[in-house]
């Protein structure tokens, strides 16, 4: 149970509304020829982090990828018959954010001494916040050479307190948002 709950952290990662997505592709690939997809590996080899590498997260991501591709008209095929293969990876990284808010009028007018760092040493202190950021990478590969033909990424701050159902829904939405850029136009 602890492994499943820990895995939900990745799910809550990407499910936030402030997810940043990006995609890139091999310009030599003719995406109009791609009709079928398959998985590079039947069991994803993601990472040693149980928050990423657990059955619930793997199933949620795979299902969302397949739903998104099928909605675009792609069909699932066996790996050796597919026009492109899919692999995905997840990661969680600790980040530190510092904030420094200075008032434009600090050297002038009312409160000048309060805003002077020599008179008020608290101004030299900057608020520091530690948080975790999750990333989801979806790769589409050439089935013969396993060369990268398209990559979509999503990154967002981890939201820690959500129900399991909401976390899964957020992760699915993140996958769909990442795949909005596929196929490239």
C-alpha atoms as a PDB file:
ATOM      1  CA  UNK A   1       0.000   0.000   0.000  1.00  0.00           C
ATOM      2  CA  UNK A   2       2.857   2.408   0.822  1.00  0.00           C
ATOM      3  CA  UNK A   3       4.415   1.793  -2.606  1.00  0.00           C
ATOM      4  CA  UNK A   4       1.121   2.631  -4.322  1.00  0.00           C
ATOM      5  CA  UNK A   5       0.676   5.800  -2.269  1.00  0.00           C
ATOM      6  CA  UNK A   6       4.260   6.818  -2.940  1.00  0.00           C
ATOM      7  CA  UNK A   7       3.661   6.259  -6.620  1.00  0.00           C
ATOM      8  CA  UNK A   8       0.780   8.685  -6.537  1.00  0.00           C
ATOM      9  CA  UNK A   9       3.273  11.461  -5.929  1.00  0.00           C
ATOM     10  CA  UNK A  10       4.397  11.212  -9.562  1.00  0.00           C
ATOM     11  CA  UNK A  11       0.775  11.195 -10.588  1.00  0.00           C
ATOM     12  CA  UNK A  12       0.170  14.407  -8.674  1.00  0.00           C
ATOM     13  CA  UNK A  13       3.335  15.877 -10.144  1.00  0.00           C
ATOM     14  CA  UNK A  14       2.302  16.230 -13.661  1.00  0.00           C
ATOM     15  CA  UNK A  15      -1.335  16.763 -12.880  1.00  0.00           C
ATOM     16  CA  UNK A  16      -1.030  20.345 -11.811  1.00  0.00           C
ATOM     17  CA  UNK A  17      -2.492  23.145 -13.879  1.00  0.00           C
ATOM     18  CA  UNK A  18       0.899  24.777 -14.358  1.00  0.00           C
ATOM     19  CA  UNK A  19       2.440  21.934 -16.342  1.00  0.00           C
ATOM     20  CA  UNK A  20       4.993  23.101 -18.880  1.00  0.00           C
ATOM     21  CA  UNK A  21       5.096  21.015 -22.049  1.00  0.00           C
ATOM     22  CA  UNK A  22       7.467  20.867 -24.959  1.00  0.00           C
ATOM     23  CA  UNK A  23       8.011  18.629 -27.949  1.00  0.00           C
ATOM     24  CA  UNK A  24      10.607  18.079 -30.634  1.00  0.00           C
ATOM     25  CA  UNK A  25      10.846  15.759 -33.611  1.00  0.00           C
ATOM     26  CA  UNK A  26      13.143  14.429 -36.288  1.00  0.00           C
ATOM     27  CA  UNK A  27      12.433  16.574 -39.380  1.00  0.00           C
ATOM     28  CA  UNK A  28      13.353  13.645 -41.657  1.00  0.00           C
ATOM     29  CA  UNK A  29      10.366  11.628 -40.423  1.00  0.00           C
ATOM     30  CA  UNK A  30       7.238  11.587 -42.601  1.00  0.00           C
ATOM     31  CA  UNK A  31       4.573  11.461 -39.899  1.00  0.00           C
ATOM     32  CA  UNK A  32       1.786  11.002 -42.464  1.00  0.00           C
ATOM     33  CA  UNK A  33       3.026   7.427 -42.984  1.00  0.00           C
ATOM     34  CA  UNK A  34       2.584   6.502 -39.322  1.00  0.00           C
ATOM     35  CA  UNK A  35      -0.646   4.603 -38.659  1.00  0.00           C
ATOM     36  CA  UNK A  36       0.188   2.047 -35.952  1.00  0.00           C
ATOM     37  CA  UNK A  37       2.052   2.093 -32.638  1.00  0.00           C
ATOM     38  CA  UNK A  38       3.472  -0.447 -30.236  1.00  0.00           C
ATOM     39  CA  UNK A  39       5.416  -0.443 -26.977  1.00  0.00           C
ATOM     40  CA  UNK A  40       9.185  -0.691 -26.912  1.00  0.00           C
ATOM     41  CA  UNK A  41       9.006  -2.815 -23.752  1.00  0.00           C
ATOM     42  CA  UNK A  42       6.027  -4.680 -22.389  1.00  0.00           C
ATOM     43  CA  UNK A  43       7.147  -3.776 -18.879  1.00  0.00           C
ATOM     44  CA  UNK A  44       8.413  -0.229 -18.495  1.00  0.00           C
ATOM     45  CA  UNK A  45      11.896   0.082 -16.983  1.00  0.00           C
ATOM     46  CA  UNK A  46      11.457   3.561 -15.539  1.00  0.00           C
ATOM     47  CA  UNK A  47      13.628   4.142 -12.508  1.00  0.00           C
ATOM     48  CA  UNK A  48      14.466   2.854  -9.050  1.00  0.00           C
ATOM     49  CA  UNK A  49      12.151   5.454  -7.482  1.00  0.00           C
ATOM     50  CA  UNK A  50       8.978   3.687  -6.312  1.00  0.00           C
ATOM     51  CA  UNK A  51       7.049   6.924  -6.771  1.00  0.00           C
ATOM     52  CA  UNK A  52       7.635   6.571 -10.509  1.00  0.00           C
ATOM     53  CA  UNK A  53       8.039   2.844 -10.974  1.00  0.00           C
ATOM     54  CA  UNK A  54       4.842   1.249  -9.711  1.00  0.00           C
ATOM     55  CA  UNK A  55       1.957  -0.564 -11.344  1.00  0.00           C
ATOM     56  CA  UNK A  56      -0.657   2.175 -10.860  1.00  0.00           C
ATOM     57  CA  UNK A  57       1.494   4.910 -12.390  1.00  0.00           C
ATOM     58  CA  UNK A  58       2.566   2.683 -15.291  1.00  0.00           C
ATOM     59  CA  UNK A  59      -1.026   1.704 -16.082  1.00  0.00           C
ATOM     60  CA  UNK A  60      -2.273   5.294 -15.849  1.00  0.00           C
ATOM     61  CA  UNK A  61       0.406   6.640 -18.200  1.00  0.00           C
ATOM     62  CA  UNK A  62       0.084   3.773 -20.699  1.00  0.00           C
ATOM     63  CA  UNK A  63      -3.699   4.034 -20.799  1.00  0.00           C
ATOM     64  CA  UNK A  64      -3.599   7.808 -21.299  1.00  0.00           C
ATOM     65  CA  UNK A  65      -1.023   7.500 -24.105  1.00  0.00           C
ATOM     66  CA  UNK A  66      -3.094   4.858 -25.885  1.00  0.00           C
ATOM     67  CA  UNK A  67      -6.334   6.845 -25.478  1.00  0.00           C
ATOM     68  CA  UNK A  68      -4.700   9.955 -26.885  1.00  0.00           C
ATOM     69  CA  UNK A  69      -3.201   8.119 -29.866  1.00  0.00           C
ATOM     70  CA  UNK A  70      -6.423   6.237 -30.625  1.00  0.00           C
ATOM     71  CA  UNK A  71      -8.367   9.514 -30.519  1.00  0.00           C
ATOM     72  CA  UNK A  72      -6.003  10.728 -33.263  1.00  0.00           C
ATOM     73  CA  UNK A  73      -6.686   7.634 -35.384  1.00  0.00           C
ATOM     74  CA  UNK A  74      -3.625   5.513 -34.564  1.00  0.00           C
ATOM     75  CA  UNK A  75      -4.070   1.780 -34.032  1.00  0.00           C
ATOM     76  CA  UNK A  76      -2.188  -0.480 -31.642  1.00  0.00           C
ATOM     77  CA  UNK A  77      -0.073  -3.215 -33.233  1.00  0.00           C
ATOM     78  CA  UNK A  78       2.496  -5.759 -32.096  1.00  0.00           C
ATOM     79  CA  UNK A  79       5.948  -4.221 -31.679  1.00  0.00           C
ATOM     80  CA  UNK A  80       7.375  -5.821 -34.815  1.00  0.00           C
ATOM     81  CA  UNK A  81       4.392  -4.633 -36.923  1.00  0.00           C
ATOM     82  CA  UNK A  82       4.141  -1.081 -35.533  1.00  0.00           C
ATOM     83  CA  UNK A  83       5.085   2.047 -37.473  1.00  0.00           C
ATOM     84  CA  UNK A  84       6.540   3.556 -34.295  1.00  0.00           C
ATOM     85  CA  UNK A  85       7.327   2.403 -30.756  1.00  0.00           C
ATOM     86  CA  UNK A  86       6.625   4.142 -27.469  1.00  0.00           C
ATOM     87  CA  UNK A  87       8.781   4.471 -24.371  1.00  0.00           C
ATOM     88  CA  UNK A  88       8.262   6.801 -21.434  1.00  0.00           C
ATOM     89  CA  UNK A  89      10.194   7.873 -18.375  1.00  0.00           C
ATOM     90  CA  UNK A  90       9.427   9.767 -15.211  1.00  0.00           C
ATOM     91  CA  UNK A  91      11.615  11.585 -12.708  1.00  0.00           C
ATOM     92  CA  UNK A  92      11.218  13.552  -9.515  1.00  0.00           C
ATOM     93  CA  UNK A  93      13.746  16.185  -8.535  1.00  0.00           C
ATOM     94  CA  UNK A  94      14.088  18.387  -5.466  1.00  0.00           C
ATOM     95  CA  UNK A  95      14.141  22.109  -6.206  1.00  0.00           C
ATOM     96  CA  UNK A  96      14.746  25.217  -4.127  1.00  0.00           C
ATOM     97  CA  UNK A  97      13.031  28.517  -4.775  1.00  0.00           C
ATOM     98  CA  UNK A  98      14.238  31.773  -3.255  1.00  0.00           C
ATOM     99  CA  UNK A  99      12.213  34.936  -3.261  1.00  0.00           C
ATOM    100  CA  UNK A 100      13.565  38.433  -3.094  1.00  0.00           C
ATOM    101  CA  UNK A 101      10.988  41.155  -3.172  1.00  0.00           C
ATOM    102  CA  UNK A 102      12.408  44.646  -3.014  1.00  0.00           C
ATOM    103  CA  UNK A 103      10.375  47.779  -3.027  1.00  0.00           C
ATOM    104  CA  UNK A 104      11.144  50.190  -5.867  1.00  0.00           C
ATOM    105  CA  UNK A 105      10.951  53.188  -3.543  1.00  0.00           C
ATOM    106  CA  UNK A 106      13.235  51.685  -0.888  1.00  0.00           C
ATOM    107  CA  UNK A 107      15.763  54.557  -0.733  1.00  0.00           C
ATOM    108  CA  UNK A 108      13.082  57.277  -0.699  1.00  0.00           C
ATOM    109  CA  UNK A 109      10.324  58.553   1.532  1.00  0.00           C
ATOM    110  CA  UNK A 110       8.512  56.954   4.431  1.00  0.00           C
ATOM    111  CA  UNK A 111      10.196  53.944   5.967  1.00  0.00           C
ATOM    112  CA  UNK A 112      13.597  54.572   4.405  1.00  0.00           C
ATOM    113  CA  UNK A 113      15.480  53.377   7.494  1.00  0.00           C
ATOM    114  CA  UNK A 114      13.310  50.278   7.740  1.00  0.00           C
ATOM    115  CA  UNK A 115      14.207  49.351   4.154  1.00  0.00           C
ATOM    116  CA  UNK A 116      17.924  50.000   4.687  1.00  0.00           C
ATOM    117  CA  UNK A 117      19.702  46.635   5.182  1.00  0.00           C
ATOM    118  CA  UNK A 118      22.131  48.274   7.630  1.00  0.00           C
ATOM    119  CA  UNK A 119      19.262  49.263   9.943  1.00  0.00           C
ATOM    120  CA  UNK A 120      17.084  46.214   9.311  1.00  0.00           C
ATOM    121  CA  UNK A 121      19.111  42.994   8.921  1.00  0.00           C
ATOM    122  CA  UNK A 122      15.955  41.009   8.138  1.00  0.00           C
ATOM    123  CA  UNK A 123      16.074  42.465   4.628  1.00  0.00           C
ATOM    124  CA  UNK A 124      19.180  40.398   3.940  1.00  0.00           C
ATOM    125  CA  UNK A 125      17.196  37.210   4.547  1.00  0.00           C
ATOM    126  CA  UNK A 126      15.482  35.713   1.531  1.00  0.00           C
ATOM    127  CA  UNK A 127      12.586  33.298   1.932  1.00  0.00           C
ATOM    128  CA  UNK A 128      13.567  29.829   0.729  1.00  0.00           C
ATOM    129  CA  UNK A 129      11.080  27.118  -0.211  1.00  0.00           C
ATOM    130  CA  UNK A 130      11.943  23.528  -1.053  1.00  0.00           C
ATOM    131  CA  UNK A 131       9.630  21.611  -3.371  1.00  0.00           C
ATOM    132  CA  UNK A 132       9.683  18.684  -5.737  1.00  0.00           C
ATOM    133  CA  UNK A 133       9.262  18.881  -9.490  1.00  0.00           C
ATOM    134  CA  UNK A 134       8.186  15.960 -11.598  1.00  0.00           C
ATOM    135  CA  UNK A 135       8.950  15.341 -15.246  1.00  0.00           C
ATOM    136  CA  UNK A 136       7.334  12.992 -17.717  1.00  0.00           C
ATOM    137  CA  UNK A 137       9.057  12.192 -21.025  1.00  0.00           C
ATOM    138  CA  UNK A 138       7.255  10.368 -23.828  1.00  0.00           C
ATOM    139  CA  UNK A 139       9.430   9.089 -26.685  1.00  0.00           C
ATOM    140  CA  UNK A 140       8.306   7.735 -30.051  1.00  0.00           C
ATOM    141  CA  UNK A 141      10.949   5.647 -31.782  1.00  0.00           C
ATOM    142  CA  UNK A 142      11.668   4.206 -35.199  1.00  0.00           C
ATOM    143  CA  UNK A 143      10.921   0.461 -34.858  1.00  0.00           C
ATOM    144  CA  UNK A 144      13.976  -0.657 -36.834  1.00  0.00           C
ATOM    145  CA  UNK A 145      16.809   1.460 -35.468  1.00  0.00           C
ATOM    146  CA  UNK A 146      15.127   2.659 -32.269  1.00  0.00           C
ATOM    147  CA  UNK A 147      16.083   6.200 -33.246  1.00  0.00           C
ATOM    148  CA  UNK A 148      14.068   9.002 -31.715  1.00  0.00           C
ATOM    149  CA  UNK A 149      11.422  10.421 -34.071  1.00  0.00           C
ATOM    150  CA  UNK A 150       9.416  12.489 -31.543  1.00  0.00           C
ATOM    151  CA  UNK A 151       9.771  13.487 -27.898  1.00  0.00           C
ATOM    152  CA  UNK A 152       7.224  15.191 -25.688  1.00  0.00           C
ATOM    153  CA  UNK A 153       7.972  16.408 -22.176  1.00  0.00           C
ATOM    154  CA  UNK A 154       5.910  17.723 -19.317  1.00  0.00           C
ATOM    155  CA  UNK A 155       7.205  19.268 -16.118  1.00  0.00           C
ATOM    156  CA  UNK A 156       5.333  20.545 -13.110  1.00  0.00           C
ATOM    157  CA  UNK A 157       5.474  21.137  -9.388  1.00  0.00           C
ATOM    158  CA  UNK A 158       4.327  18.190  -7.296  1.00  0.00           C
ATOM    159  CA  UNK A 159       0.963  18.666  -5.645  1.00  0.00           C
ATOM    160  CA  UNK A 160       1.023  16.445  -2.599  1.00  0.00           C
ATOM    161  CA  UNK A 161      -2.507  16.285  -1.223  1.00  0.00           C
ATOM    162  CA  UNK A 162      -4.991  14.778  -3.673  1.00  0.00           C
ATOM    163  CA  UNK A 163      -7.267  11.780  -3.743  1.00  0.00           C
ATOM    164  CA  UNK A 164      -6.100   8.786  -5.741  1.00  0.00           C
ATOM    165  CA  UNK A 165      -8.844   9.317  -8.326  1.00  0.00           C
ATOM    166  CA  UNK A 166      -7.980  12.998  -8.775  1.00  0.00           C
ATOM    167  CA  UNK A 167      -4.274  12.226  -9.048  1.00  0.00           C
ATOM    168  CA  UNK A 168      -4.880   9.628 -11.769  1.00  0.00           C
ATOM    169  CA  UNK A 169      -7.137  12.041 -13.656  1.00  0.00           C
ATOM    170  CA  UNK A 170      -4.488  14.777 -13.441  1.00  0.00           C
ATOM    171  CA  UNK A 171      -1.780  12.458 -14.748  1.00  0.00           C
ATOM    172  CA  UNK A 172      -3.994  11.423 -17.660  1.00  0.00           C
ATOM    173  CA  UNK A 173      -4.672  15.072 -18.475  1.00  0.00           C
ATOM    174  CA  UNK A 174      -0.943  15.787 -18.389  1.00  0.00           C
ATOM    175  CA  UNK A 175      -0.253  12.966 -20.856  1.00  0.00           C
ATOM    176  CA  UNK A 176      -2.959  14.278 -23.191  1.00  0.00           C
ATOM    177  CA  UNK A 177      -1.499  17.782 -22.962  1.00  0.00           C
ATOM    178  CA  UNK A 178       1.991  16.497 -23.783  1.00  0.00           C
ATOM    179  CA  UNK A 179       0.652  14.583 -26.791  1.00  0.00           C
ATOM    180  CA  UNK A 180      -1.169  17.625 -28.183  1.00  0.00           C
ATOM    181  CA  UNK A 181       2.016  18.273 -30.148  1.00  0.00           C
ATOM    182  CA  UNK A 182       1.893  14.890 -31.898  1.00  0.00           C
ATOM    183  CA  UNK A 183       2.008  14.485 -34.798  1.00  0.00           C
ATOM    184  CA  UNK A 184       3.954  17.673 -35.504  1.00  0.00           C
ATOM    185  CA  UNK A 185       2.515  20.019 -38.084  1.00  0.00           C
END
